[in-house]
Amino acid sequence: MKNVFLPLGLEDTRFKPEITERIAPTSVRDNQVLVGEPDDELCFYLGGVSGNAGLFSTASDTLTFVVGLWNGRLVSKRVARRFTETLVYDQDNPRRLGWQAPGPGTSSGDLFGNSAFGHTGFTGTSLWFDPETELSIVFLSNRTHIKRRETIPQMLETRRKLHNTILAELT
């Protein structure tokens, strides 16, 4: 927390948040609705903190994070550029180092520029940033509260439509 959250002023970003009134439920486990607890099984059984899940935030803090990362407030700009500009391929899918890259069928939709990068979460969340236009789209969702796995294809299509609609309106 002290190396990422505090330097960026992320006041609403937490593992294991104590105040849950602004947090959407994620799913049900053992007949209990999870609110402020990770949906991810590994993270849940690790006590709510892991490298892949369990972090709760707001759209504002998520935007602050990506802008801070891009502007060199967490790591040097050179390191940030290396992780967000380097293109690698997972089979035929373009990726960046730790990020997704725009491409056919990705959650970015069809209108983000080639330099954009993003990330998605299992519960349906999505973050995309285009360095050329400095446009960010943060989409927070609780898809898994509806159905755990059955809604994955619909969420991919929802993200694509959302990004296409917003970008089409702005161009």
Protein backbone atom coordinates (compact mmCIF):
# COMPACT_ATOMS: atom_id res chain seq x y z
CA MET A 1 0.00 0.00 0.00
CA LYS A 2 2.66 2.51 0.97
CA ASN A 3 4.50 2.15 -2.37
CA VAL A 4 1.49 2.39 -4.71
CA PHE A 5 -1.71 3.57 -3.05
CA LEU A 6 -0.30 6.33 -0.85
CA PRO A 7 2.01 8.03 -3.42
CA LEU A 8 -0.90 8.27 -5.85
CA GLY A 9 -3.44 9.33 -3.22
CA LEU A 10 -5.69 6.34 -3.83
CA GLU A 11 -8.05 6.80 -0.91
CA ASP A 12 -10.70 4.30 -2.03
CA THR A 13 -8.43 1.41 -3.07
CA ARG A 14 -8.09 -1.42 -0.58
CA PHE A 15 -7.61 -5.08 0.01
CA LYS A 16 -10.15 -6.29 2.59
CA PRO A 17 -12.09 -3.00 2.81
CA GLU A 18 -13.73 -2.36 6.16
CA ILE A 19 -16.42 -0.05 4.79
CA THR A 20 -18.46 -1.92 2.18
CA GLU A 21 -21.54 0.24 1.63
CA ARG A 22 -20.21 1.49 -1.75
CA ILE A 23 -19.11 -1.96 -2.93
CA ALA A 24 -21.27 -4.07 -5.23
CA PRO A 25 -21.70 -7.72 -4.31
CA THR A 26 -19.53 -10.06 -6.38
CA SER A 27 -20.99 -13.52 -5.88
CA VAL A 28 -22.27 -16.03 -3.36
CA ARG A 29 -20.02 -18.47 -1.49
CA ASP A 30 -21.31 -20.93 1.11
CA ASN A 31 -24.76 -19.28 0.88
CA GLN A 32 -23.24 -15.89 1.81
CA VAL A 33 -23.30 -12.90 -0.51
CA LEU A 34 -19.73 -11.61 -0.91
CA VAL A 35 -19.39 -7.85 -0.49
CA GLY A 36 -15.87 -6.51 -0.10
CA GLU A 37 -14.52 -10.05 -0.29
CA PRO A 38 -12.80 -11.46 -3.37
CA ASP A 39 -14.72 -13.64 -5.78
CA ASP A 40 -11.51 -15.43 -6.77
CA GLU A 41 -11.17 -18.73 -4.88
CA LEU A 42 -7.40 -18.59 -4.45
CA CYS A 43 -7.51 -15.05 -3.10
CA PHE A 44 -10.51 -15.82 -0.90
CA TYR A 45 -8.74 -18.75 0.75
CA LEU A 46 -5.53 -16.73 1.10
CA GLY A 47 -7.44 -14.33 3.32
CA GLY A 48 -8.43 -11.75 0.72
CA VAL A 49 -5.02 -10.57 -0.51
CA SER A 50 -3.20 -11.96 -3.53
CA GLY A 51 -1.43 -10.65 -6.61
CA ASN A 52 -4.27 -11.59 -8.93
CA ALA A 53 -7.41 -10.57 -7.06
CA GLY A 54 -8.96 -9.02 -3.99
CA LEU A 55 -8.30 -5.36 -4.70
CA PHE A 56 -11.36 -3.11 -4.46
CA SER A 57 -11.38 0.38 -5.92
CA THR A 58 -13.45 3.13 -7.49
CA ALA A 59 -13.48 4.38 -11.07
CA SER A 60 -11.79 7.59 -9.94
CA ASP A 61 -8.95 5.79 -8.15
CA THR A 62 -8.52 3.41 -11.11
CA LEU A 63 -8.18 6.37 -13.46
CA THR A 64 -5.71 8.01 -11.06
CA PHE A 65 -3.68 4.80 -11.03
CA VAL A 66 -3.32 4.48 -14.81
CA VAL A 67 -2.56 8.19 -15.30
CA GLY A 68 -0.02 8.06 -12.46
CA LEU A 69 1.60 4.99 -13.97
CA TRP A 70 1.77 6.61 -17.42
CA ASN A 71 3.17 9.87 -16.03
CA GLY A 72 5.99 8.15 -14.13
CA ARG A 73 4.67 8.51 -10.60
CA LEU A 74 5.05 4.79 -9.74
CA VAL A 75 7.95 3.72 -11.91
CA SER A 76 10.06 5.69 -14.34
CA LYS A 77 8.40 6.74 -17.58
CA ARG A 78 10.91 4.54 -19.39
CA VAL A 79 9.77 1.46 -17.46
CA ALA A 80 6.09 2.37 -17.89
CA ARG A 81 6.60 2.77 -21.65
CA ARG A 82 8.46 -0.54 -21.87
CA PHE A 83 5.55 -2.40 -20.25
CA THR A 84 2.85 -0.61 -22.21
CA GLU A 85 4.49 -0.31 -25.64
CA THR A 86 6.26 -3.65 -26.05
CA LEU A 87 4.11 -5.95 -28.16
CA VAL A 88 4.25 -9.72 -27.68
CA TYR A 89 1.97 -12.43 -29.02
CA ASP A 90 0.06 -15.13 -27.18
CA GLN A 91 -0.80 -17.35 -30.12
CA ASP A 92 -2.41 -14.81 -32.47
CA ASN A 93 -3.45 -12.37 -29.74
CA PRO A 94 -1.40 -9.19 -29.34
CA ARG A 95 -0.45 -8.33 -25.77
CA ARG A 96 1.77 -5.91 -23.94
CA LEU A 97 3.95 -6.81 -20.95
CA GLY A 98 1.29 -7.23 -18.27
CA TRP A 99 -1.42 -5.54 -20.36
CA GLN A 100 -3.78 -6.35 -23.18
CA ALA A 101 -3.34 -4.70 -26.56
CA PRO A 102 -6.12 -3.78 -28.99
CA GLY A 103 -6.86 -6.43 -31.54
CA PRO A 104 -9.70 -8.27 -33.26
CA GLY A 105 -12.07 -9.73 -30.71
CA THR A 106 -10.46 -8.10 -27.66
CA SER A 107 -12.37 -6.23 -24.98
CA SER A 108 -11.01 -2.93 -26.34
CA GLY A 109 -13.50 -2.90 -29.19
CA ASP A 110 -12.54 -1.71 -32.65
CA LEU A 111 -11.78 2.00 -32.22
CA PHE A 112 -8.92 2.35 -29.75
CA GLY A 113 -5.59 3.36 -31.28
CA ASN A 114 -2.77 0.86 -31.74
CA SER A 115 -0.84 2.23 -28.76
CA ALA A 116 -3.71 1.67 -26.29
CA PHE A 117 -3.37 -0.80 -23.46
CA GLY A 118 -5.85 -2.25 -21.02
CA HIS A 119 -6.69 -4.88 -18.48
CA THR A 120 -9.81 -6.76 -17.49
CA GLY A 121 -10.96 -8.47 -14.35
CA PHE A 122 -12.91 -11.69 -13.84
CA THR A 123 -15.92 -9.88 -12.36
CA GLY A 124 -16.26 -7.88 -15.57
CA THR A 125 -14.18 -4.82 -14.79
CA SER A 126 -12.18 -3.16 -17.52
CA LEU A 127 -9.59 -0.40 -17.87
CA TRP A 128 -8.34 0.92 -21.22
CA PHE A 129 -5.99 3.84 -21.80
CA ASP A 130 -4.92 5.39 -25.10
CA PRO A 131 -1.67 7.35 -24.66
CA GLU A 132 -2.11 9.18 -27.99
CA THR A 133 -5.41 10.76 -26.99
CA GLU A 134 -4.99 10.35 -23.20
CA LEU A 135 -8.47 8.87 -23.17
CA SER A 136 -9.27 6.38 -20.41
CA ILE A 137 -12.33 4.23 -20.01
CA VAL A 138 -12.90 2.58 -16.64
CA PHE A 139 -15.78 0.12 -16.42
CA LEU A 140 -16.57 -1.44 -13.05
CA SER A 141 -18.93 -4.38 -12.99
CA ASN A 142 -20.18 -7.21 -10.84
CA ARG A 143 -20.98 -9.72 -13.60
CA THR A 144 -20.29 -12.68 -11.29
CA HIS A 145 -23.12 -11.71 -8.97
CA ILE A 146 -25.49 -12.69 -11.79
CA LYS A 147 -23.79 -15.88 -12.95
CA ARG A 148 -20.26 -16.94 -12.26
CA ARG A 149 -19.02 -18.28 -15.60
CA GLU A 150 -22.00 -18.31 -17.93
CA THR A 151 -21.86 -14.54 -18.51
CA ILE A 152 -18.22 -14.38 -19.68
CA PRO A 153 -19.07 -14.18 -23.43
CA GLN A 154 -21.76 -11.55 -22.84
CA MET A 155 -19.36 -9.45 -20.75
CA LEU A 156 -16.75 -9.49 -23.52
CA GLU A 157 -19.39 -8.25 -25.95
CA THR A 158 -20.64 -5.65 -23.45
CA ARG A 159 -17.12 -4.26 -23.02
CA ARG A 160 -16.58 -4.12 -26.79
CA LYS A 161 -19.92 -2.33 -27.36
CA LEU A 162 -19.27 0.10 -24.49
CA HIS A 163 -15.82 1.07 -25.79
CA ASN A 164 -17.04 1.33 -29.40
CA THR A 165 -20.01 3.49 -28.38
CA ILE A 166 -17.93 5.89 -26.29
CA LEU A 167 -15.15 6.21 -28.85
CA ALA A 168 -17.58 6.65 -31.75
CA GLU A 169 -19.24 9.54 -29.89
CA LEU A 170 -15.90 11.23 -29.24
CA THR A 171 -14.56 11.07 -32.80
